[in-house]
Amino acid sequence: MRAYEFYLLGACALWVAAVALRQIVRARRAHPSEWITPTLLLVTVAMLTVAAVEVHKWPERSGLPVTDTTSVQATFLELATEGSQRQLVFRYRVQNKAHSDFVLDSAACARVSFRFQPGAKYDPASALLEQDTPAHQRYTGLVRLGRREIELRPCPLVLKPGQSQDVAVAVPYAYPVTFGSPEEATLRTYVRATMRRVDGFGAADSRGSHAILFPKGW
């Protein structure tokens, strides 16, 4: 909406400027009193220009919080499985490059989520099949576990300035027994085939001021 208003005001300013220029050309040899109209038009142009600039700069001055996604960086390490259910686990190394502590408390850990590729569309069929584990597995190839949330380990996560920490993002899916040994090359092939839209994970602190973007590395 702000971009629309900016271009609209700019177009109005250009139109008024053209009218003012035409009036000035006509008034060059006229009585001084006839200069009032083009002068007012020029003032209108100036006011419209200032308004357009202010509208364009409004997002910068709106005071909306901006989430810092660069101070804490994550590097993908490996894919693995854990436990007898062979839960899929994505391991990363995170580093705090800020000058202050970074904290993910238990509530923030519970909000770790998938990040999807740009342009990925919502699939209502997959969402409906989430309620039917066997059907969901046949449709997507994913074996859903009883737990539905993504887990970040360790949690809470506290990083001092400059500190690095190895973490694990455990998704609520298992590596099927029918796929054989869970070697990393096989795991990568399986994840690429069944999680085609997933582009990594994201986690933000409780204030929403800082976030970790876990990249896709498989």
N, C-alpha and C. Protein backbone atom coordinates (compact mmCIF):
# COMPACT_ATOMS: atom_id res chain seq x y z
N MET A 1 0.84 -1.20 0.00
CA MET A 1 0.00 0.00 0.00
C MET A 1 0.87 1.25 0.00
N ARG A 2 1.95 1.22 0.74
CA ARG A 2 2.83 2.39 0.79
C ARG A 2 3.46 2.66 -0.58
N ALA A 3 3.84 1.61 -1.31
CA ALA A 3 4.43 1.80 -2.62
C ALA A 3 3.39 2.42 -3.57
N TYR A 4 2.14 1.96 -3.46
CA TYR A 4 1.08 2.52 -4.29
C TYR A 4 0.89 4.00 -4.02
N GLU A 5 0.86 4.37 -2.73
CA GLU A 5 0.68 5.78 -2.38
C GLU A 5 1.85 6.62 -2.88
N PHE A 6 3.06 6.07 -2.78
CA PHE A 6 4.25 6.80 -3.22
C PHE A 6 4.15 7.13 -4.71
N TYR A 7 3.82 6.11 -5.52
CA TYR A 7 3.74 6.34 -6.96
C TYR A 7 2.56 7.24 -7.33
N LEU A 8 1.47 7.13 -6.60
CA LEU A 8 0.31 7.99 -6.87
C LEU A 8 0.65 9.45 -6.60
N LEU A 9 1.27 9.71 -5.44
CA LEU A 9 1.65 11.08 -5.12
C LEU A 9 2.69 11.61 -6.11
N GLY A 10 3.61 10.75 -6.51
CA GLY A 10 4.60 11.18 -7.49
C GLY A 10 3.99 11.54 -8.82
N ALA A 11 3.00 10.74 -9.25
CA ALA A 11 2.32 11.04 -10.51
C ALA A 11 1.54 12.35 -10.42
N CYS A 12 0.91 12.57 -9.26
CA CYS A 12 0.18 13.84 -9.07
C CYS A 12 1.13 15.03 -9.12
N ALA A 13 2.30 14.88 -8.49
CA ALA A 13 3.28 15.96 -8.49
C ALA A 13 3.75 16.27 -9.90
N LEU A 14 3.98 15.24 -10.71
CA LEU A 14 4.42 15.46 -12.09
C LEU A 14 3.33 16.16 -12.91
N TRP A 15 2.08 15.74 -12.70
CA TRP A 15 0.98 16.36 -13.45
C TRP A 15 0.84 17.84 -13.08
N VAL A 16 0.88 18.12 -11.77
CA VAL A 16 0.76 19.51 -11.33
C VAL A 16 1.95 20.33 -11.83
N ALA A 17 3.14 19.72 -11.85
CA ALA A 17 4.32 20.43 -12.35
C ALA A 17 4.16 20.78 -13.82
N ALA A 18 3.58 19.88 -14.61
CA ALA A 18 3.36 20.15 -16.03
C ALA A 18 2.37 21.29 -16.22
N VAL A 19 1.29 21.27 -15.42
CA VAL A 19 0.31 22.36 -15.51
C VAL A 19 0.95 23.69 -15.11
N ALA A 20 1.77 23.66 -14.03
CA ALA A 20 2.42 24.88 -13.57
C ALA A 20 3.36 25.44 -14.63
N LEU A 21 4.11 24.56 -15.29
CA LEU A 21 5.03 24.99 -16.34
C LEU A 21 4.27 25.66 -17.48
N ARG A 22 3.14 25.07 -17.83
CA ARG A 22 2.32 25.65 -18.90
C ARG A 22 1.81 27.03 -18.51
N GLN A 23 1.39 27.19 -17.24
CA GLN A 23 0.90 28.48 -16.77
C GLN A 23 2.01 29.53 -16.74
N ILE A 24 3.21 29.07 -16.36
CA ILE A 24 4.34 30.01 -16.31
C ILE A 24 4.66 30.53 -17.71
N VAL A 25 4.65 29.63 -18.69
CA VAL A 25 4.93 30.05 -20.07
C VAL A 25 3.91 31.08 -20.53
N ARG A 26 2.65 30.90 -20.17
CA ARG A 26 1.61 31.83 -20.58
C ARG A 26 1.69 33.15 -19.84
N ALA A 27 2.21 33.10 -18.59
CA ALA A 27 2.20 34.31 -17.75
C ALA A 27 3.48 35.14 -17.86
N ARG A 28 4.41 34.73 -18.68
CA ARG A 28 5.69 35.44 -18.74
C ARG A 28 5.49 36.91 -19.13
N ARG A 29 4.56 37.18 -20.03
CA ARG A 29 4.35 38.56 -20.48
C ARG A 29 3.04 39.14 -19.93
N ALA A 30 2.47 38.46 -18.97
CA ALA A 30 1.19 38.92 -18.41
C ALA A 30 1.43 39.80 -17.19
N HIS A 31 0.32 40.31 -16.67
CA HIS A 31 0.37 41.16 -15.48
C HIS A 31 0.86 40.33 -14.29
N PRO A 32 1.64 40.91 -13.35
CA PRO A 32 2.16 40.15 -12.20
C PRO A 32 1.08 39.44 -11.39
N SER A 33 -0.14 40.00 -11.39
CA SER A 33 -1.19 39.35 -10.62
C SER A 33 -1.55 37.98 -11.17
N GLU A 34 -1.27 37.78 -12.46
CA GLU A 34 -1.58 36.50 -13.09
C GLU A 34 -0.57 35.41 -12.75
N TRP A 35 0.48 35.78 -12.01
CA TRP A 35 1.48 34.78 -11.59
C TRP A 35 1.02 34.02 -10.35
N ILE A 36 -0.08 34.42 -9.77
CA ILE A 36 -0.53 33.75 -8.54
C ILE A 36 -0.83 32.28 -8.79
N THR A 37 -1.52 31.98 -9.89
CA THR A 37 -1.91 30.59 -10.17
C THR A 37 -0.70 29.66 -10.35
N PRO A 38 0.26 30.01 -11.23
CA PRO A 38 1.42 29.12 -11.35
C PRO A 38 2.24 29.02 -10.06
N THR A 39 2.29 30.10 -9.29
CA THR A 39 3.01 30.05 -8.02
C THR A 39 2.37 29.06 -7.06
N LEU A 40 1.04 29.11 -6.96
CA LEU A 40 0.33 28.16 -6.10
C LEU A 40 0.52 26.72 -6.59
N LEU A 41 0.55 26.56 -7.90
CA LEU A 41 0.77 25.21 -8.45
C LEU A 41 2.15 24.69 -8.09
N LEU A 42 3.16 25.57 -8.15
CA LEU A 42 4.51 25.15 -7.78
C LEU A 42 4.58 24.77 -6.30
N VAL A 43 3.89 25.53 -5.46
CA VAL A 43 3.85 25.19 -4.04
C VAL A 43 3.20 23.82 -3.84
N THR A 44 2.13 23.56 -4.62
CA THR A 44 1.46 22.26 -4.54
C THR A 44 2.41 21.13 -4.96
N VAL A 45 3.20 21.38 -6.00
CA VAL A 45 4.18 20.38 -6.44
C VAL A 45 5.17 20.06 -5.33
N ALA A 46 5.65 21.12 -4.67
CA ALA A 46 6.61 20.92 -3.59
C ALA A 46 6.00 20.11 -2.45
N MET A 47 4.75 20.43 -2.11
CA MET A 47 4.09 19.72 -1.01
C MET A 47 3.85 18.26 -1.37
N LEU A 48 3.43 18.00 -2.60
CA LEU A 48 3.21 16.61 -3.03
C LEU A 48 4.50 15.82 -3.06
N THR A 49 5.59 16.47 -3.47
CA THR A 49 6.89 15.80 -3.51
C THR A 49 7.34 15.42 -2.11
N VAL A 50 7.20 16.36 -1.17
CA VAL A 50 7.57 16.08 0.22
C VAL A 50 6.72 14.94 0.78
N ALA A 51 5.41 14.97 0.48
CA ALA A 51 4.52 13.91 0.97
C ALA A 51 4.92 12.55 0.40
N ALA A 52 5.28 12.51 -0.89
CA ALA A 52 5.68 11.25 -1.50
C ALA A 52 6.94 10.70 -0.86
N VAL A 53 7.91 11.58 -0.59
CA VAL A 53 9.15 11.14 0.05
C VAL A 53 8.88 10.60 1.45
N GLU A 54 8.01 11.28 2.19
CA GLU A 54 7.69 10.83 3.55
C GLU A 54 6.99 9.48 3.53
N VAL A 55 6.09 9.28 2.57
CA VAL A 55 5.42 7.98 2.46
C VAL A 55 6.43 6.89 2.14
N HIS A 56 7.38 7.21 1.25
CA HIS A 56 8.40 6.23 0.87
C HIS A 56 9.28 5.84 2.05
N LYS A 57 9.55 6.79 2.93
CA LYS A 57 10.42 6.54 4.07
C LYS A 57 9.66 6.01 5.29
N TRP A 58 8.35 5.92 5.21
CA TRP A 58 7.56 5.54 6.38
C TRP A 58 7.97 4.20 6.98
N PRO A 59 8.23 3.13 6.17
CA PRO A 59 8.62 1.86 6.78
C PRO A 59 9.88 1.96 7.62
N GLU A 60 10.80 2.88 7.22
CA GLU A 60 12.04 3.02 7.97
C GLU A 60 11.82 3.69 9.31
N ARG A 61 10.73 4.49 9.42
CA ARG A 61 10.48 5.23 10.64
C ARG A 61 9.33 4.66 11.47
N SER A 62 8.79 3.54 11.00
CA SER A 62 7.59 3.01 11.65
C SER A 62 7.89 2.42 13.02
N GLY A 63 9.14 2.13 13.29
CA GLY A 63 9.49 1.58 14.59
C GLY A 63 9.16 0.11 14.75
N LEU A 64 8.81 -0.58 13.64
CA LEU A 64 8.52 -2.00 13.74
C LEU A 64 9.79 -2.77 14.06
N PRO A 65 9.70 -3.77 14.94
CA PRO A 65 10.89 -4.53 15.30
C PRO A 65 11.44 -5.31 14.12
N VAL A 66 12.74 -5.34 14.00
CA VAL A 66 13.41 -6.09 12.95
C VAL A 66 14.17 -7.23 13.60
N THR A 67 13.93 -8.44 13.13
CA THR A 67 14.58 -9.61 13.70
C THR A 67 15.98 -9.76 13.12
N ASP A 68 16.97 -9.88 13.99
CA ASP A 68 18.36 -10.06 13.59
C ASP A 68 18.60 -11.55 13.32
N THR A 69 18.89 -11.88 12.06
CA THR A 69 19.13 -13.28 11.69
C THR A 69 20.59 -13.55 11.33
N THR A 70 21.47 -12.60 11.63
CA THR A 70 22.88 -12.77 11.25
C THR A 70 23.82 -12.90 12.44
N SER A 71 23.41 -12.44 13.62
CA SER A 71 24.32 -12.46 14.77
C SER A 71 24.59 -13.87 15.27
N VAL A 72 23.62 -14.75 15.13
CA VAL A 72 23.81 -16.16 15.51
C VAL A 72 23.70 -16.98 14.23
N GLN A 73 24.80 -17.62 13.87
CA GLN A 73 24.87 -18.35 12.60
C GLN A 73 24.94 -19.84 12.84
N ALA A 74 24.28 -20.59 11.97
CA ALA A 74 24.23 -22.05 12.07
C ALA A 74 24.89 -22.68 10.85
N THR A 75 25.67 -23.72 11.08
CA THR A 75 26.34 -24.46 10.02
C THR A 75 25.90 -25.91 10.08
N PHE A 76 25.44 -26.45 8.97
CA PHE A 76 24.98 -27.84 8.95
C PHE A 76 26.17 -28.79 9.09
N LEU A 77 25.98 -29.82 9.94
CA LEU A 77 27.03 -30.80 10.16
C LEU A 77 26.70 -32.15 9.53
N GLU A 78 25.56 -32.73 9.95
CA GLU A 78 25.25 -34.06 9.45
C GLU A 78 23.79 -34.43 9.72
N LEU A 79 23.38 -35.49 9.05
CA LEU A 79 22.09 -36.12 9.29
C LEU A 79 22.33 -37.41 10.06
N ALA A 80 21.42 -37.74 10.97
CA ALA A 80 21.58 -38.96 11.76
C ALA A 80 20.21 -39.43 12.23
N THR A 81 20.21 -40.56 12.88
CA THR A 81 18.99 -41.07 13.52
C THR A 81 19.29 -41.31 14.99
N GLU A 82 18.24 -41.26 15.81
CA GLU A 82 18.40 -41.47 17.24
C GLU A 82 17.30 -42.39 17.77
N GLY A 83 17.66 -43.21 18.73
CA GLY A 83 16.69 -44.06 19.40
C GLY A 83 16.25 -45.26 18.58
N SER A 84 15.48 -46.11 19.23
CA SER A 84 15.00 -47.32 18.58
C SER A 84 14.02 -47.03 17.46
N GLN A 85 13.37 -45.86 17.51
CA GLN A 85 12.44 -45.48 16.44
C GLN A 85 13.13 -44.83 15.26
N ARG A 86 14.44 -44.63 15.38
CA ARG A 86 15.25 -44.04 14.32
C ARG A 86 14.71 -42.66 13.90
N GLN A 87 14.53 -41.81 14.91
CA GLN A 87 14.06 -40.45 14.66
C GLN A 87 15.10 -39.68 13.87
N LEU A 88 14.63 -38.93 12.88
CA LEU A 88 15.54 -38.14 12.04
C LEU A 88 16.04 -36.93 12.82
N VAL A 89 17.35 -36.72 12.78
CA VAL A 89 17.98 -35.62 13.52
C VAL A 89 18.93 -34.88 12.59
N PHE A 90 18.80 -33.56 12.57
CA PHE A 90 19.67 -32.70 11.78
C PHE A 90 20.61 -32.00 12.76
N ARG A 91 21.90 -32.19 12.59
CA ARG A 91 22.86 -31.62 13.52
C ARG A 91 23.55 -30.40 12.92
N TYR A 92 23.66 -29.38 13.79
CA TYR A 92 24.24 -28.10 13.38
C TYR A 92 25.23 -27.62 14.44
N ARG A 93 26.06 -26.70 14.02
CA ARG A 93 26.91 -25.95 14.96
C ARG A 93 26.49 -24.49 14.87
N VAL A 94 26.11 -23.93 16.00
CA VAL A 94 25.69 -22.53 16.03
C VAL A 94 26.74 -21.70 16.77
N GLN A 95 26.92 -20.48 16.31
CA GLN A 95 27.90 -19.58 16.92
C GLN A 95 27.27 -18.21 17.12
N ASN A 96 27.46 -17.67 18.32
CA ASN A 96 26.96 -16.34 18.64
C ASN A 96 28.04 -15.32 18.31
N LYS A 97 27.82 -14.51 17.29
CA LYS A 97 28.79 -13.49 16.88
C LYS A 97 28.42 -12.11 17.39
N ALA A 98 27.39 -12.05 18.23
CA ALA A 98 26.97 -10.77 18.80
C ALA A 98 27.79 -10.46 20.05
N HIS A 99 27.57 -9.27 20.61
CA HIS A 99 28.28 -8.86 21.82
C HIS A 99 27.43 -9.05 23.07
N SER A 100 26.33 -9.76 22.93
CA SER A 100 25.46 -10.04 24.07
C SER A 100 25.02 -11.50 24.05
N ASP A 101 24.48 -11.97 25.16
CA ASP A 101 24.03 -13.35 25.25
C ASP A 101 22.86 -13.60 24.31
N PHE A 102 22.79 -14.81 23.80
CA PHE A 102 21.64 -15.26 23.02
C PHE A 102 20.98 -16.39 23.78
N VAL A 103 19.66 -16.25 24.01
CA VAL A 103 18.96 -17.22 24.85
C VAL A 103 17.70 -17.70 24.14
N LEU A 104 17.57 -19.02 24.05
CA LEU A 104 16.32 -19.65 23.63
C LEU A 104 15.79 -20.41 24.83
N ASP A 105 14.72 -19.88 25.42
CA ASP A 105 14.15 -20.58 26.57
C ASP A 105 13.25 -21.71 26.10
N SER A 106 12.63 -22.40 27.05
CA SER A 106 11.81 -23.57 26.71
C SER A 106 10.66 -23.20 25.79
N ALA A 107 10.05 -22.04 26.02
CA ALA A 107 8.93 -21.62 25.17
C ALA A 107 9.40 -21.36 23.74
N ALA A 108 10.57 -20.74 23.60
CA ALA A 108 11.10 -20.47 22.26
C ALA A 108 11.50 -21.76 21.56
N CYS A 109 12.05 -22.70 22.31
CA CYS A 109 12.43 -23.99 21.72
C CYS A 109 11.22 -24.71 21.14
N ALA A 110 10.08 -24.54 21.78
CA ALA A 110 8.86 -25.21 21.33
C ALA A 110 8.34 -24.63 20.02
N ARG A 111 8.86 -23.46 19.61
CA ARG A 111 8.38 -22.82 18.39
C ARG A 111 9.34 -22.99 17.22
N VAL A 112 10.31 -23.90 17.34
CA VAL A 112 11.18 -24.19 16.21
C VAL A 112 10.32 -24.74 15.07
N SER A 113 10.57 -24.28 13.86
CA SER A 113 9.68 -24.65 12.75
C SER A 113 10.47 -24.94 11.48
N PHE A 114 9.80 -25.60 10.56
CA PHE A 114 10.36 -25.80 9.23
C PHE A 114 10.40 -24.47 8.49
N ARG A 115 11.40 -24.30 7.64
CA ARG A 115 11.43 -23.21 6.68
C ARG A 115 11.26 -23.83 5.30
N PHE A 116 10.38 -23.23 4.50
CA PHE A 116 10.08 -23.81 3.19
C PHE A 116 10.67 -22.97 2.08
N GLN A 117 10.90 -23.61 0.95
CA GLN A 117 11.48 -22.92 -0.19
C GLN A 117 10.53 -21.82 -0.68
N PRO A 118 11.09 -20.72 -1.20
CA PRO A 118 10.23 -19.66 -1.74
C PRO A 118 9.32 -20.20 -2.83
N GLY A 119 8.06 -19.83 -2.75
CA GLY A 119 7.11 -20.29 -3.75
C GLY A 119 6.45 -21.61 -3.43
N ALA A 120 6.87 -22.26 -2.33
CA ALA A 120 6.25 -23.54 -1.97
C ALA A 120 4.80 -23.31 -1.58
N LYS A 121 3.91 -24.13 -2.10
CA LYS A 121 2.49 -23.95 -1.88
C LYS A 121 1.98 -24.91 -0.80
N TYR A 122 0.98 -24.45 -0.10
CA TYR A 122 0.34 -25.26 0.93
C TYR A 122 -0.36 -26.45 0.28
N ASP A 123 -0.15 -27.63 0.85
CA ASP A 123 -0.74 -28.85 0.32
C ASP A 123 -1.83 -29.33 1.27
N PRO A 124 -3.10 -29.04 0.98
CA PRO A 124 -4.17 -29.44 1.90
C PRO A 124 -4.30 -30.94 2.03
N ALA A 125 -3.98 -31.69 0.97
CA ALA A 125 -4.09 -33.15 1.04
C ALA A 125 -3.13 -33.71 2.07
N SER A 126 -1.90 -33.20 2.08
CA SER A 126 -0.92 -33.67 3.06
C SER A 126 -1.36 -33.33 4.47
N ALA A 127 -1.94 -32.14 4.66
CA ALA A 127 -2.40 -31.74 5.99
C ALA A 127 -3.51 -32.66 6.50
N LEU A 128 -4.42 -33.04 5.61
CA LEU A 128 -5.49 -33.94 6.00
C LEU A 128 -4.96 -35.33 6.33
N LEU A 129 -3.96 -35.77 5.58
CA LEU A 129 -3.41 -37.10 5.80
C LEU A 129 -2.58 -37.18 7.08
N GLU A 130 -2.22 -36.02 7.64
CA GLU A 130 -1.47 -36.04 8.90
C GLU A 130 -2.23 -36.80 9.98
N GLN A 131 -3.56 -36.83 9.89
CA GLN A 131 -4.36 -37.51 10.90
C GLN A 131 -4.37 -39.02 10.70
N ASP A 132 -3.95 -39.48 9.53
CA ASP A 132 -3.94 -40.91 9.21
C ASP A 132 -2.51 -41.32 8.91
N THR A 133 -1.83 -41.83 9.94
CA THR A 133 -0.39 -42.12 9.81
C THR A 133 -0.07 -43.07 8.67
N PRO A 134 -0.76 -44.22 8.52
CA PRO A 134 -0.42 -45.13 7.40
C PRO A 134 -0.64 -44.48 6.04
N ALA A 135 -1.76 -43.74 5.89
CA ALA A 135 -2.03 -43.09 4.60
C ALA A 135 -1.01 -41.98 4.33
N HIS A 136 -0.66 -41.24 5.38
CA HIS A 136 0.34 -40.18 5.23
C HIS A 136 1.68 -40.76 4.79
N GLN A 137 2.04 -41.90 5.34
CA GLN A 137 3.31 -42.54 4.97
C GLN A 137 3.28 -42.98 3.51
N ARG A 138 2.16 -43.54 3.07
CA ARG A 138 2.07 -43.98 1.67
C ARG A 138 2.12 -42.80 0.71
N TYR A 139 1.53 -41.68 1.13
CA TYR A 139 1.45 -40.50 0.26
C TYR A 139 2.76 -39.72 0.21
N THR A 140 3.43 -39.58 1.34
CA THR A 140 4.63 -38.75 1.41
C THR A 140 5.93 -39.53 1.57
N GLY A 141 5.83 -40.77 2.03
CA GLY A 141 7.03 -41.54 2.33
C GLY A 141 7.58 -41.26 3.71
N LEU A 142 6.91 -40.37 4.49
CA LEU A 142 7.37 -40.01 5.82
C LEU A 142 6.67 -40.84 6.88
N VAL A 143 7.45 -41.32 7.84
CA VAL A 143 6.91 -42.10 8.95
C VAL A 143 6.76 -41.17 10.15
N ARG A 144 5.52 -40.79 10.48
CA ARG A 144 5.29 -39.86 11.57
C ARG A 144 5.39 -40.57 12.90
N LEU A 145 6.05 -39.86 13.84
CA LEU A 145 6.13 -40.35 15.22
C LEU A 145 4.97 -39.79 16.03
N GLY A 146 4.82 -40.27 17.26
CA GLY A 146 3.74 -39.80 18.12
C GLY A 146 3.88 -38.33 18.46
N ARG A 147 5.11 -37.86 18.65
CA ARG A 147 5.34 -36.44 18.94
C ARG A 147 5.20 -35.63 17.67
N ARG A 148 4.53 -34.49 17.73
CA ARG A 148 4.27 -33.68 16.55
C ARG A 148 5.16 -32.45 16.45
N GLU A 149 5.85 -32.10 17.53
CA GLU A 149 6.67 -30.89 17.52
C GLU A 149 8.10 -31.21 17.12
N ILE A 150 8.76 -30.18 16.57
CA ILE A 150 10.19 -30.27 16.32
C ILE A 150 10.91 -29.98 17.63
N GLU A 151 11.94 -30.75 17.91
CA GLU A 151 12.70 -30.57 19.16
C GLU A 151 14.06 -29.96 18.87
N LEU A 152 14.44 -28.99 19.67
CA LEU A 152 15.79 -28.43 19.62
C LEU A 152 16.55 -28.92 20.85
N ARG A 153 17.69 -29.51 20.64
CA ARG A 153 18.49 -30.05 21.74
C ARG A 153 19.90 -29.48 21.64
N PRO A 154 20.44 -28.96 22.76
CA PRO A 154 19.85 -28.84 24.09
C PRO A 154 18.87 -27.67 24.17
N CYS A 155 18.02 -27.73 25.15
CA CYS A 155 17.05 -26.67 25.41
C CYS A 155 16.86 -26.56 26.92
N PRO A 156 16.93 -25.34 27.48
CA PRO A 156 17.17 -24.05 26.80
C PRO A 156 18.59 -23.96 26.24
N LEU A 157 18.73 -23.07 25.26
CA LEU A 157 20.02 -22.85 24.62
C LEU A 157 20.52 -21.46 25.00
N VAL A 158 21.70 -21.40 25.60
CA VAL A 158 22.30 -20.13 26.02
C VAL A 158 23.69 -20.03 25.39
N LEU A 159 23.91 -18.98 24.63
CA LEU A 159 25.20 -18.76 23.98
C LEU A 159 25.79 -17.44 24.44
N LYS A 160 26.97 -17.49 25.01
CA LYS A 160 27.70 -16.29 25.36
C LYS A 160 28.30 -15.67 24.10
N PRO A 161 28.69 -14.41 24.13
CA PRO A 161 29.31 -13.79 22.95
C PRO A 161 30.52 -14.60 22.49
N GLY A 162 30.53 -14.95 21.22
CA GLY A 162 31.63 -15.71 20.64
C GLY A 162 31.56 -17.20 20.86
N GLN A 163 30.60 -17.68 21.64
CA GLN A 163 30.52 -19.09 21.96
C GLN A 163 29.89 -19.90 20.82
N SER A 164 30.40 -21.13 20.64
CA SER A 164 29.84 -22.07 19.68
C SER A 164 29.24 -23.26 20.43
N GLN A 165 28.24 -23.87 19.83
CA GLN A 165 27.56 -24.99 20.47
C GLN A 165 26.99 -25.90 19.39
N ASP A 166 27.20 -27.21 19.54
CA ASP A 166 26.58 -28.18 18.64
C ASP A 166 25.17 -28.46 19.12
N VAL A 167 24.22 -28.38 18.21
CA VAL A 167 22.82 -28.61 18.56
C VAL A 167 22.22 -29.62 17.58
N ALA A 168 21.06 -30.12 17.96
CA ALA A 168 20.35 -31.08 17.11
C ALA A 168 18.92 -30.62 16.94
N VAL A 169 18.43 -30.70 15.71
CA VAL A 169 17.03 -30.43 15.41
C VAL A 169 16.39 -31.77 15.07
N ALA A 170 15.56 -32.27 15.98
CA ALA A 170 14.92 -33.58 15.81
C ALA A 170 13.50 -33.38 15.30
N VAL A 171 13.20 -33.91 14.13
CA VAL A 171 11.87 -33.74 13.53
C VAL A 171 10.99 -34.92 13.94
N PRO A 172 9.67 -34.75 13.88
CA PRO A 172 8.77 -35.83 14.32
C PRO A 172 8.55 -36.90 13.26
N TYR A 173 9.63 -37.29 12.60
CA TYR A 173 9.57 -38.34 11.58
C TYR A 173 10.71 -39.33 11.82
N ALA A 174 10.49 -40.56 11.38
CA ALA A 174 11.49 -41.61 11.56
C ALA A 174 12.00 -42.08 10.20
N TYR A 175 13.19 -42.63 10.23
CA TYR A 175 13.76 -43.23 9.02
C TYR A 175 13.23 -44.66 8.92
N PRO A 176 12.51 -45.01 7.86
CA PRO A 176 11.88 -46.33 7.78
C PRO A 176 12.88 -47.48 7.83
N VAL A 177 12.50 -48.53 8.52
CA VAL A 177 13.35 -49.72 8.60
C VAL A 177 13.54 -50.33 7.22
N THR A 178 12.52 -50.22 6.38
CA THR A 178 12.59 -50.83 5.05
C THR A 178 13.64 -50.20 4.15
N PHE A 179 14.16 -49.03 4.55
CA PHE A 179 15.18 -48.37 3.75
C PHE A 179 16.59 -48.83 4.10
N GLY A 180 16.70 -49.74 5.04
CA GLY A 180 18.00 -50.31 5.36
C GLY A 180 18.79 -49.50 6.37
N SER A 181 20.11 -49.64 6.31
CA SER A 181 21.01 -49.01 7.27
C SER A 181 20.96 -47.49 7.14
N PRO A 182 20.89 -46.80 8.29
CA PRO A 182 20.79 -45.32 8.25
C PRO A 182 22.15 -44.64 8.07
N GLU A 183 22.83 -44.95 6.98
CA GLU A 183 24.07 -44.25 6.68
C GLU A 183 23.73 -42.86 6.16
N GLU A 184 24.65 -41.91 6.35
CA GLU A 184 24.31 -40.52 6.05
C GLU A 184 23.96 -40.31 4.58
N ALA A 185 24.66 -40.98 3.68
CA ALA A 185 24.36 -40.80 2.25
C ALA A 185 22.94 -41.26 1.95
N THR A 186 22.53 -42.37 2.56
CA THR A 186 21.16 -42.87 2.37
C THR A 186 20.15 -41.94 3.01
N LEU A 187 20.49 -41.41 4.19
CA LEU A 187 19.60 -40.47 4.86
C LEU A 187 19.39 -39.21 4.02
N ARG A 188 20.45 -38.69 3.44
CA ARG A 188 20.35 -37.49 2.61
C ARG A 188 19.43 -37.74 1.42
N THR A 189 19.58 -38.91 0.77
CA THR A 189 18.73 -39.25 -0.36
C THR A 189 17.27 -39.33 0.06
N TYR A 190 17.03 -39.95 1.21
CA TYR A 190 15.66 -40.10 1.71
C TYR A 190 15.04 -38.74 2.03
N VAL A 191 15.78 -37.88 2.73
CA VAL A 191 15.26 -36.57 3.11
C VAL A 191 15.01 -35.71 1.88
N ARG A 192 15.91 -35.73 0.92
CA ARG A 192 15.71 -34.94 -0.31
C ARG A 192 14.46 -35.39 -1.05
N ALA A 193 14.16 -36.69 -0.99
CA ALA A 193 13.00 -37.22 -1.71
C ALA A 193 11.70 -36.94 -0.99
N THR A 194 11.70 -36.97 0.33
CA THR A 194 10.45 -36.86 1.09
C THR A 194 10.20 -35.46 1.63
N MET A 195 11.25 -34.62 1.73
CA MET A 195 11.09 -33.26 2.25
C MET A 195 11.56 -32.26 1.20
N ARG A 196 11.01 -32.39 0.01
CA ARG A 196 11.47 -31.56 -1.12
C ARG A 196 11.26 -30.07 -0.89
N ARG A 197 10.21 -29.71 -0.18
CA ARG A 197 9.90 -28.27 0.01
C ARG A 197 10.65 -27.66 1.18
N VAL A 198 11.22 -28.50 2.05
CA VAL A 198 11.88 -27.99 3.26
C VAL A 198 13.21 -27.34 2.89
N ASP A 199 13.42 -26.12 3.40
CA ASP A 199 14.65 -25.39 3.11
C ASP A 199 15.46 -25.11 4.38
N GLY A 200 15.18 -25.88 5.43
CA GLY A 200 15.89 -25.70 6.69
C GLY A 200 14.91 -25.49 7.83
N PHE A 201 15.39 -24.85 8.89
CA PHE A 201 14.58 -24.63 10.08
C PHE A 201 14.82 -23.21 10.60
N GLY A 202 13.94 -22.77 11.49
CA GLY A 202 14.08 -21.44 12.08
C GLY A 202 13.70 -21.46 13.54
N ALA A 203 14.40 -20.64 14.32
CA ALA A 203 14.11 -20.51 15.76
C ALA A 203 14.39 -19.08 16.17
N ALA A 204 13.45 -18.47 16.91
CA ALA A 204 13.60 -17.09 17.37
C ALA A 204 13.48 -17.03 18.88
N ASP A 205 14.14 -16.03 19.48
CA ASP A 205 14.01 -15.87 20.93
C ASP A 205 12.62 -15.35 21.27
N SER A 206 12.32 -15.32 22.57
CA SER A 206 10.96 -14.98 23.01
C SER A 206 10.57 -13.56 22.63
N ARG A 207 11.55 -12.64 22.52
CA ARG A 207 11.24 -11.26 22.15
C ARG A 207 11.13 -11.07 20.65
N GLY A 208 11.57 -12.05 19.88
CA GLY A 208 11.54 -11.92 18.43
C GLY A 208 12.62 -11.00 17.89
N SER A 209 13.61 -10.67 18.71
CA SER A 209 14.66 -9.75 18.28
C SER A 209 15.80 -10.46 17.57
N HIS A 210 16.03 -11.72 17.91
CA HIS A 210 17.08 -12.50 17.29
C HIS A 210 16.55 -13.87 16.89
N ALA A 211 17.08 -14.38 15.79
CA ALA A 211 16.63 -15.68 15.31
C ALA A 211 17.81 -16.43 14.71
N ILE A 212 17.68 -17.75 14.69
CA ILE A 212 18.67 -18.62 14.04
C ILE A 212 18.02 -19.22 12.80
N LEU A 213 18.67 -19.09 11.68
CA LEU A 213 18.22 -19.73 10.46
C LEU A 213 19.11 -20.94 10.20
N PHE A 214 18.54 -22.12 10.36
CA PHE A 214 19.29 -23.36 10.14
C PHE A 214 19.19 -23.70 8.65
N PRO A 215 20.31 -23.65 7.92
CA PRO A 215 20.23 -23.81 6.47
C PRO A 215 20.05 -25.27 6.05
N LYS A 216 19.61 -25.44 4.83
CA LYS A 216 19.51 -26.76 4.23
C LYS A 216 20.90 -27.19 3.78
N GLY A 217 21.36 -28.31 4.31
CA GLY A 217 22.71 -28.76 3.97
C GLY A 217 22.74 -30.19 3.49
N TRP A 218 21.61 -30.73 3.10
CA TRP A 218 21.57 -32.14 2.71
C TRP A 218 21.25 -32.29 1.22
